[in-house]
Protein backbone atom coordinates (compact mmCIF):
# COMPACT_ATOMS: atom_id res chain seq x y z
CA MET A 1 133.60 110.33 76.88
CA ASP A 2 135.74 107.29 77.64
CA LEU A 3 133.64 104.96 79.80
CA ARG A 4 136.17 102.15 79.93
CA PHE A 5 137.34 101.03 83.37
CA SER A 6 140.98 101.58 84.25
CA ASP A 7 142.88 98.57 85.59
CA GLU A 8 142.54 100.04 89.08
CA ASP A 9 138.79 100.59 88.68
CA GLU A 10 138.35 97.07 87.32
CA ALA A 11 140.19 95.60 90.30
CA PHE A 12 138.01 97.60 92.69
CA ARG A 13 134.85 96.46 90.86
CA ARG A 14 135.92 92.82 91.20
CA GLU A 15 136.64 93.35 94.90
CA VAL A 16 133.16 94.82 95.50
CA ARG A 17 131.55 92.01 93.49
CA ASP A 18 133.43 89.34 95.45
CA TRP A 19 132.56 90.97 98.78
CA LEU A 20 128.87 91.10 97.89
CA ALA A 21 128.94 87.46 96.83
CA GLU A 22 130.65 86.39 100.05
CA HIS A 23 128.36 88.53 102.19
CA ASN A 24 125.17 87.21 100.61
CA VAL A 25 126.19 83.63 99.92
CA GLY A 26 129.00 82.98 102.36
CA ASP A 27 129.03 79.51 103.80
CA PHE A 28 125.85 78.52 101.93
CA ALA A 29 128.28 77.32 99.28
CA ALA A 30 129.70 74.82 101.77
CA VAL A 31 128.54 71.26 102.15
CA GLU A 32 125.49 70.98 104.43
CA GLY A 33 126.50 70.86 108.10
CA ARG A 34 130.22 71.02 107.30
CA GLY A 35 132.36 73.87 106.13
CA GLY A 36 135.21 75.03 103.99
CA PRO A 37 138.06 77.50 103.80
CA GLY A 38 137.37 81.09 104.73
CA HIS A 39 136.94 83.62 101.93
CA GLU A 40 139.43 86.18 103.29
CA HIS A 41 142.01 84.20 105.25
CA GLU A 42 143.92 81.10 104.20
CA SER A 43 144.31 79.88 107.79
CA VAL A 44 140.63 80.03 108.63
CA GLU A 45 137.87 77.46 108.26
CA LEU A 46 134.27 78.64 108.20
CA ARG A 47 131.81 76.08 109.49
CA ARG A 48 128.14 75.89 110.35
CA GLU A 49 126.48 73.57 112.80
CA TRP A 50 122.82 72.76 113.31
CA GLU A 51 121.89 72.00 116.91
CA ARG A 52 118.55 70.95 118.32
CA VAL A 53 116.83 73.75 120.17
CA LEU A 54 116.66 72.27 123.67
CA ALA A 55 117.33 69.01 125.47
CA LEU A 56 114.16 69.31 127.53
CA SER A 57 110.56 69.40 126.28
CA ASN A 58 111.28 71.39 123.20
CA HIS A 59 108.42 70.76 120.85
CA ILE A 60 104.68 70.96 121.17
CA VAL A 61 102.08 70.36 118.53
CA VAL A 62 98.71 71.97 119.18
CA VAL A 63 96.24 70.51 116.70
CA ARG A 64 92.75 71.82 116.04
CA PRO A 65 89.71 69.55 116.56
CA GLY A 66 89.29 67.09 113.73
CA TYR A 67 92.82 67.57 112.43
CA GLU A 68 94.81 64.41 111.87
CA LEU A 69 98.27 63.97 113.36
CA SER A 70 100.35 63.20 110.29
CA ALA A 71 103.91 62.30 109.45
CA GLU A 72 104.66 65.90 108.47
CA HIS A 73 104.23 66.95 112.11
CA VAL A 74 106.49 64.20 113.38
CA GLN A 75 109.41 63.77 111.02
CA PRO A 76 111.37 67.02 111.54
CA ALA A 77 111.83 66.82 115.32
CA ILE A 78 112.74 63.35 116.51
CA ARG A 79 113.94 64.71 119.83
CA GLU A 80 112.18 65.39 123.12
CA ARG A 81 108.65 66.16 122.07
CA ILE A 82 105.29 66.82 123.68
CA ASN A 83 102.12 66.50 121.64
CA ASP A 84 99.32 68.62 123.10
CA LEU A 85 96.31 67.56 121.05
CA SER A 86 92.60 68.26 120.92
CA SER A 87 90.43 66.82 123.65
CA LEU A 88 87.67 66.39 121.03
CA THR A 89 89.60 63.74 119.09
CA PRO A 90 91.60 61.82 121.73
CA LEU A 91 91.52 58.30 120.26
CA ILE A 92 93.64 59.07 117.19
CA SER A 93 96.13 60.88 119.43
CA ILE A 94 96.36 57.93 121.82
CA ALA A 95 96.75 55.50 118.92
CA ALA A 96 99.55 57.59 117.40
CA GLN A 97 101.31 57.81 120.77
CA GLN A 98 101.12 54.02 121.12
CA ILE A 99 102.71 53.61 117.68
CA PHE A 100 105.54 55.97 118.67
CA HIS A 101 106.04 53.99 121.88
CA ASP A 102 106.11 50.62 120.12
CA VAL A 103 108.52 51.77 117.41
CA THR A 104 110.99 53.46 119.78
CA ALA A 105 110.90 50.90 122.62
CA GLY A 106 114.41 49.71 123.47
CA THR A 107 116.11 52.40 121.34
CA GLU A 108 117.78 55.70 122.14
CA ALA A 109 114.56 57.39 121.07
CA GLU A 110 112.48 55.70 123.76
CA ARG A 111 110.40 58.23 125.73
CA VAL A 112 111.06 60.93 123.14
CA PHE A 113 107.33 61.30 122.50
CA SER A 114 104.76 62.08 125.15
CA LEU A 115 101.11 63.00 124.96
CA VAL A 116 98.99 65.52 126.84
CA ILE A 117 95.29 65.93 126.06
CA GLY A 118 93.47 68.98 127.33
CA GLY A 119 92.15 72.45 126.73
CA GLY A 120 94.21 75.34 125.46
CA SER A 121 93.23 77.56 128.38
CA SER A 122 94.89 75.18 130.83
CA ILE A 123 97.54 72.92 129.33
CA GLY A 124 98.22 75.08 126.29
CA GLU A 125 98.75 78.24 128.31
CA ALA A 126 100.98 76.42 130.79
CA LEU A 127 103.24 75.19 127.99
CA LEU A 128 103.31 78.63 126.38
CA ALA A 129 104.44 80.19 129.63
CA ASP A 130 107.16 77.63 130.40
CA GLU A 131 110.55 79.07 129.43
CA ARG A 132 112.01 75.56 129.17
CA VAL A 133 109.92 75.12 126.04
CA ALA A 134 111.95 76.88 123.36
CA LEU A 135 109.81 76.00 120.36
CA ILE A 136 106.09 75.55 119.79
CA GLN A 137 104.50 74.33 116.60
CA ALA A 138 100.83 75.23 116.54
CA THR A 139 98.08 74.33 114.11
CA GLY A 140 94.74 76.09 114.43
CA SER A 141 93.00 79.38 113.90
CA CYS A 142 94.67 82.71 113.20
CA ALA A 143 93.57 83.85 116.67
CA LEU A 144 95.43 80.89 118.20
CA GLY A 145 98.51 81.76 116.17
CA GLU A 146 98.41 85.37 117.31
CA ARG A 147 98.27 84.26 120.95
CA VAL A 148 101.16 81.83 120.49
CA SER A 149 103.24 84.42 118.61
CA VAL A 150 102.77 87.14 121.24
CA VAL A 151 103.64 84.93 124.21
CA MET A 152 106.62 83.27 122.55
CA ALA A 153 108.00 86.57 121.28
CA LYS A 154 107.82 88.13 124.74
CA ARG A 155 110.09 85.43 126.13
CA SER A 156 112.24 85.16 122.97
CA GLY A 157 110.91 81.71 122.14
CA ARG A 158 110.18 80.43 118.68
CA ALA A 159 106.97 79.36 116.97
CA ILE A 160 106.20 77.41 113.82
CA LEU A 161 102.62 78.22 112.87
CA GLU A 162 100.21 76.60 110.44
CA LEU A 163 96.99 78.53 110.82
CA GLY A 164 93.80 79.37 108.98
CA GLY A 165 93.45 78.76 105.27
CA ASN A 166 90.96 80.68 103.13
CA ASN A 167 91.95 78.69 100.08
CA ALA A 168 90.82 79.43 96.53
CA VAL A 169 90.61 77.51 93.27
CA VAL A 170 90.62 79.48 90.00
CA VAL A 171 89.11 77.88 86.89
CA LEU A 172 89.86 79.59 83.58
CA ALA A 173 87.87 79.09 80.39
CA ASP A 174 90.64 77.01 78.79
CA ALA A 175 90.83 74.56 81.71
CA ASP A 176 90.08 70.85 81.65
CA LEU A 177 86.70 71.34 83.33
CA LYS A 178 86.22 67.69 84.29
CA LEU A 179 89.56 67.70 86.10
CA ALA A 180 88.73 71.00 87.78
CA LEU A 181 85.31 69.76 88.88
CA ARG A 182 86.74 66.70 90.63
CA ALA A 183 89.29 68.85 92.43
CA VAL A 184 86.72 71.40 93.56
CA VAL A 185 84.28 68.80 94.87
CA PHE A 186 87.01 66.99 96.80
CA GLY A 187 88.43 70.25 98.14
CA THR A 188 85.07 71.55 99.36
CA VAL A 189 83.39 68.33 100.52
CA GLY A 190 86.27 66.03 101.47
CA THR A 191 86.60 65.61 105.27
CA ALA A 192 83.44 67.73 105.48
CA GLY A 193 85.41 70.89 104.79
CA GLN A 194 87.47 70.42 107.95
CA ARG A 195 90.97 70.54 106.52
CA CYS A 196 93.19 73.57 106.72
CA THR A 197 93.57 73.13 102.94
CA SER A 198 89.86 72.73 102.20
CA THR A 199 88.63 74.87 99.31
CA ARG A 200 86.72 77.86 100.71
CA ARG A 201 86.51 80.04 97.59
CA LEU A 202 85.84 79.18 93.93
CA ILE A 203 86.84 81.81 91.36
CA LEU A 204 85.31 81.15 87.95
CA HIS A 205 86.15 82.71 84.59
CA ARG A 206 82.88 84.24 83.46
CA PRO A 207 82.59 82.40 80.08
CA ILE A 208 82.40 79.00 81.81
CA ALA A 209 80.82 80.03 85.13
CA LYS A 210 77.20 79.09 84.35
CA ASP A 211 78.02 75.64 82.96
CA PHE A 212 80.52 74.89 85.73
CA MET A 213 78.02 75.84 88.44
CA GLU A 214 75.42 73.52 86.93
CA GLN A 215 77.94 70.67 86.95
CA LEU A 216 79.01 71.49 90.50
CA THR A 217 75.50 71.46 91.94
CA ALA A 218 74.73 68.24 90.05
CA ALA A 219 77.85 66.66 91.58
CA TYR A 220 76.84 67.86 95.07
CA ARG A 221 73.51 66.06 94.72
CA THR A 222 75.37 62.75 94.35
CA ILE A 223 77.43 63.15 97.56
CA GLY A 224 76.68 60.39 100.05
CA ILE A 225 76.55 61.82 103.57
CA GLY A 226 76.76 59.49 106.54
CA ASP A 227 78.96 56.96 108.33
CA PRO A 228 82.60 57.50 107.24
CA LEU A 229 83.20 53.73 107.55
CA ASP A 230 80.67 53.07 104.79
CA ASP A 231 82.34 52.89 101.36
CA ALA A 232 79.39 54.72 99.81
CA THR A 233 79.96 57.77 102.03
CA LEU A 234 81.89 60.73 100.62
CA MET A 235 81.17 63.17 103.45
CA GLY A 236 81.06 62.39 107.14
CA PRO A 237 80.01 64.51 110.12
CA LEU A 238 81.38 67.69 111.58
CA VAL A 239 83.49 67.27 114.68
CA SER A 240 81.10 68.69 117.31
CA GLN A 241 77.84 70.49 117.99
CA SER A 242 79.83 73.70 118.20
CA ALA A 243 81.03 73.10 114.62
CA VAL A 244 77.40 72.67 113.51
CA GLU A 245 76.54 76.01 115.10
CA ASP A 246 79.50 77.65 113.32
CA TYR A 247 78.14 76.23 110.05
CA ARG A 248 74.65 77.65 110.74
CA GLU A 249 75.92 81.03 111.86
CA GLY A 250 78.39 81.29 108.98
CA LEU A 251 75.70 80.68 106.38
CA ALA A 252 73.31 83.11 108.06
CA GLU A 253 75.96 85.83 108.14
CA MET A 254 76.86 85.28 104.50
CA GLN A 255 73.24 85.77 103.51
CA ARG A 256 72.90 88.84 105.74
CA GLN A 257 75.85 90.36 103.88
CA GLY A 258 74.27 89.71 100.48
CA GLY A 259 75.38 86.17 99.62
CA LYS A 260 72.93 83.94 97.74
CA LEU A 261 72.57 80.34 98.88
CA VAL A 262 72.73 78.17 95.74
CA TYR A 263 72.81 74.71 97.28
CA GLY A 264 72.58 73.00 100.67
CA GLY A 265 72.56 74.78 103.97
CA ASN A 266 70.54 72.24 105.98
CA VAL A 267 71.50 70.51 109.20
CA LEU A 268 70.61 66.80 108.87
CA ALA A 269 69.17 66.27 112.31
CA ASP A 270 67.75 62.85 111.39
CA ARG A 271 71.21 61.27 111.00
CA GLY A 272 72.02 60.90 114.70
CA GLY A 273 75.21 62.94 114.58
CA TYR A 274 76.72 66.25 113.51
CA PHE A 275 75.75 65.95 109.85
CA VAL A 276 75.13 68.89 107.50
CA GLU A 277 74.74 69.44 103.78
CA PRO A 278 77.65 70.96 101.85
CA ALA A 279 76.72 74.48 100.83
CA ILE A 280 77.43 76.71 97.83
CA VAL A 281 77.05 80.49 98.21
CA ARG A 282 77.33 83.09 95.45
CA SER A 283 79.22 85.90 97.15
CA THR A 284 80.85 89.22 96.34
CA VAL A 285 84.45 90.01 97.15
CA ASP A 286 83.47 93.01 99.30
CA MET A 287 81.57 90.85 101.80
CA PRO A 288 83.62 91.00 105.07
CA ILE A 289 82.95 87.34 105.85
CA CYS A 290 84.79 86.34 102.67
CA LYS A 291 87.99 87.33 104.44
CA GLU A 292 87.31 84.90 107.29
CA GLU A 293 87.72 81.14 107.40
CA VAL A 294 84.47 79.37 108.22
CA PHE A 295 85.64 75.86 109.12
CA ALA A 296 82.80 73.99 107.45
CA PRO A 297 81.80 72.57 104.02
CA ILE A 298 80.82 75.96 102.58
CA VAL A 299 82.28 77.45 99.41
CA HIS A 300 81.99 81.03 98.15
CA VAL A 301 81.68 81.42 94.37
CA PHE A 302 82.90 84.49 92.47
CA GLU A 303 83.00 85.32 88.77
CA VAL A 304 85.91 87.20 87.17
CA GLU A 305 86.77 88.56 83.74
CA GLY A 306 90.23 87.03 83.49
CA LEU A 307 93.45 85.88 85.16
CA GLU A 308 94.53 89.25 86.58
CA GLU A 309 91.22 89.75 88.38
CA ALA A 310 91.34 86.13 89.58
CA ILE A 311 94.79 86.67 91.08
CA ALA A 312 93.56 89.84 92.79
CA VAL A 313 90.59 87.99 94.32
CA ASN A 314 92.79 85.09 95.40
CA ASN A 315 95.19 87.48 97.14
CA SER A 316 92.49 89.70 98.70
CA VAL A 317 92.19 87.77 101.98
CA PRO A 318 94.47 87.88 105.04
CA GLN A 319 95.24 84.16 104.87
CA GLY A 320 97.69 82.60 102.44
CA LEU A 321 97.89 78.83 102.74
CA SER A 322 96.90 76.98 99.55
CA SER A 323 95.68 77.91 96.08
CA GLY A 324 95.06 76.23 92.75
CA LEU A 325 94.73 77.36 89.13
CA PHE A 326 93.18 75.25 86.40
CA THR A 327 94.34 76.19 82.91
CA THR A 328 95.95 74.71 79.80
CA ASN A 329 97.70 78.00 79.03
CA LEU A 330 101.41 77.86 79.90
CA ALA A 331 101.75 81.64 80.18
CA ALA A 332 98.82 81.81 82.61
CA ALA A 333 100.28 78.99 84.70
CA GLU A 334 103.69 80.67 84.91
CA ARG A 335 102.16 84.02 85.84
CA TRP A 336 100.16 82.31 88.60
CA LEU A 337 103.42 80.89 89.99
CA SER A 338 105.37 84.14 89.64
CA ALA A 339 105.98 86.94 92.13
CA VAL A 340 102.86 88.73 90.83
CA GLY A 341 100.71 85.60 91.02
CA SER A 342 99.31 83.68 93.98
CA ASP A 343 100.67 84.96 97.30
CA CYS A 344 100.08 81.65 99.09
CA GLY A 345 102.66 79.28 100.50
CA ILE A 346 101.23 76.58 98.24
CA ALA A 347 100.39 77.41 94.63
CA ASN A 348 99.22 74.56 92.42
CA VAL A 349 98.47 74.28 88.72
CA ASN A 350 95.81 71.80 87.60
CA ALA A 351 95.60 70.48 91.14
CA GLY A 352 93.26 71.53 93.93
CA THR A 353 94.05 73.12 97.27
CA SER A 354 93.82 69.85 99.20
CA GLY A 355 95.47 66.51 98.73
CA ALA A 356 98.46 67.26 96.52
CA GLU A 357 102.07 66.21 97.12
CA ILE A 358 102.94 65.68 100.81
CA GLY A 359 106.67 65.72 100.06
CA GLY A 360 106.73 69.46 99.44
CA ALA A 361 107.30 72.09 102.10
CA PHE A 362 103.88 72.58 103.67
CA GLY A 363 102.85 75.93 105.06
CA GLY A 364 101.47 79.35 104.27
CA GLU A 365 102.10 83.07 104.22
CA LYS A 366 100.48 86.19 105.71
CA ALA A 367 98.06 85.40 108.55
CA THR A 368 98.52 81.66 107.97
CA GLY A 369 101.79 81.92 109.84
CA GLY A 370 104.78 81.41 107.58
CA GLY A 371 106.08 78.17 109.10
CA ARG A 372 106.93 75.09 107.05
CA GLN A 373 106.40 71.41 107.72
CA ALA A 374 107.80 68.54 105.63
CA GLY A 375 109.97 69.22 102.60
CA SER A 376 113.75 69.23 102.36
CA ASP A 377 114.38 72.27 104.57
CA ALA A 378 111.64 71.87 107.19
CA TRP A 379 114.05 70.41 109.75
CA LYS A 380 115.91 73.74 109.94
CA GLY A 381 112.95 75.32 111.70
CA TYR A 382 113.50 72.97 114.62
CA MET A 383 117.20 73.67 114.95
CA ARG A 384 119.51 76.38 116.18
CA ARG A 385 122.09 77.47 113.64
CA GLN A 386 125.59 78.21 114.85
CA THR A 387 128.27 79.82 112.66
CA CYS A 388 131.82 78.84 113.64
CA THR A 389 135.14 80.41 112.65
CA ILE A 390 138.13 78.19 113.42
CA ASN A 391 141.53 79.88 113.17
CA TYR A 392 144.40 77.39 112.88
CA GLY A 393 147.01 80.03 112.04
CA ASP A 394 149.06 82.37 114.21
CA GLU A 395 147.54 85.64 112.99
CA LEU A 396 144.25 87.17 114.15
CA PRO A 397 141.73 87.11 111.29
CA LEU A 398 139.80 90.36 110.90
CA ALA A 399 137.01 90.78 108.40
CA GLN A 400 137.03 92.94 105.28
CA GLY A 401 140.75 93.63 105.33
CA VAL A 402 140.71 95.54 108.62
CA THR A 403 144.08 96.02 110.30
CA PHE A 404 144.49 96.74 113.99
CA PRO A 405 148.20 96.92 114.87
CA VAL A 406 148.64 96.16 118.57
CA ASP A 407 151.92 94.74 119.93
């Protein structure tokens, strides 16, 4: 059988190939924000424009208690902006607003930033319901994100969400264990476990699990707990009494479901604040609470037989923000970063879940929301894309070779 293409077949194959390339790539080949000649018509220019979403109050940041307002929330949207921040941490919000005011005073950007402090049930709901607000960026729990998503979708608004993180670190037997230990302690204890990227789950390769756990508990015993302004302190307080209760209740529920408390678990009532001990719990993957984010310095510990089981445990939760693998094996690292590896928006190798490179696109997948902050493309989430065809000829351009003869 002769399987060679005829000249006519070859021409048709090239036409299909070119159409698929144009359809899937199109003006992405053009210079950013500009354009170039059309692919089908010599007298046509294809252009794309990025326009800010609205001229009115078009951006709100809702930040969970204890969460810092950082540059990654500010840089993409230097246009009319409202920051609706937690009433539990007002001073940092007021200080940031004052910095914005001082920097923009006397410029075209003056009065771009404004600040509202209040509860989500009042101010937050009012902003959600206001159709003049085309875009909301929300940081908080998955329940908050669900509420924002439903309301915004009903009125065809847009949301950028950075929600709960049930972040895991995997330590394989070939890892640099000293490096891994420092990352795990910082990820679990740093900021008293009150970061969206805090390490909530520790997945240990069975051959090194016993030794690593001994080193981890020894490191926990050295953690200074107290005034964050004291240089000797490594862990400060929780943000509120409610957070202390969540810590208590979370630990109690873990133990009811079969978890074994290995270290910590005490509320330090003698410190004159919302101080607790960091806690380590040996858990099993089938415990329902392992699929929830307990926003406190508590880490679940699991043991696995190898990388494939570790990936399965990492991916077994609804959230998908940050993850880290410690290994010196290149093949293991590449598998972790592949399509069959970590399903999180952030996947690190030999770095923990918290405190890596701020320049990368920050955000998660699954129940974490899917939005991105910072990074080279983050600004696109705050814009409206417009595709423009400009015909400077005297014939009507029709796509895909269509003819429509009308005198």
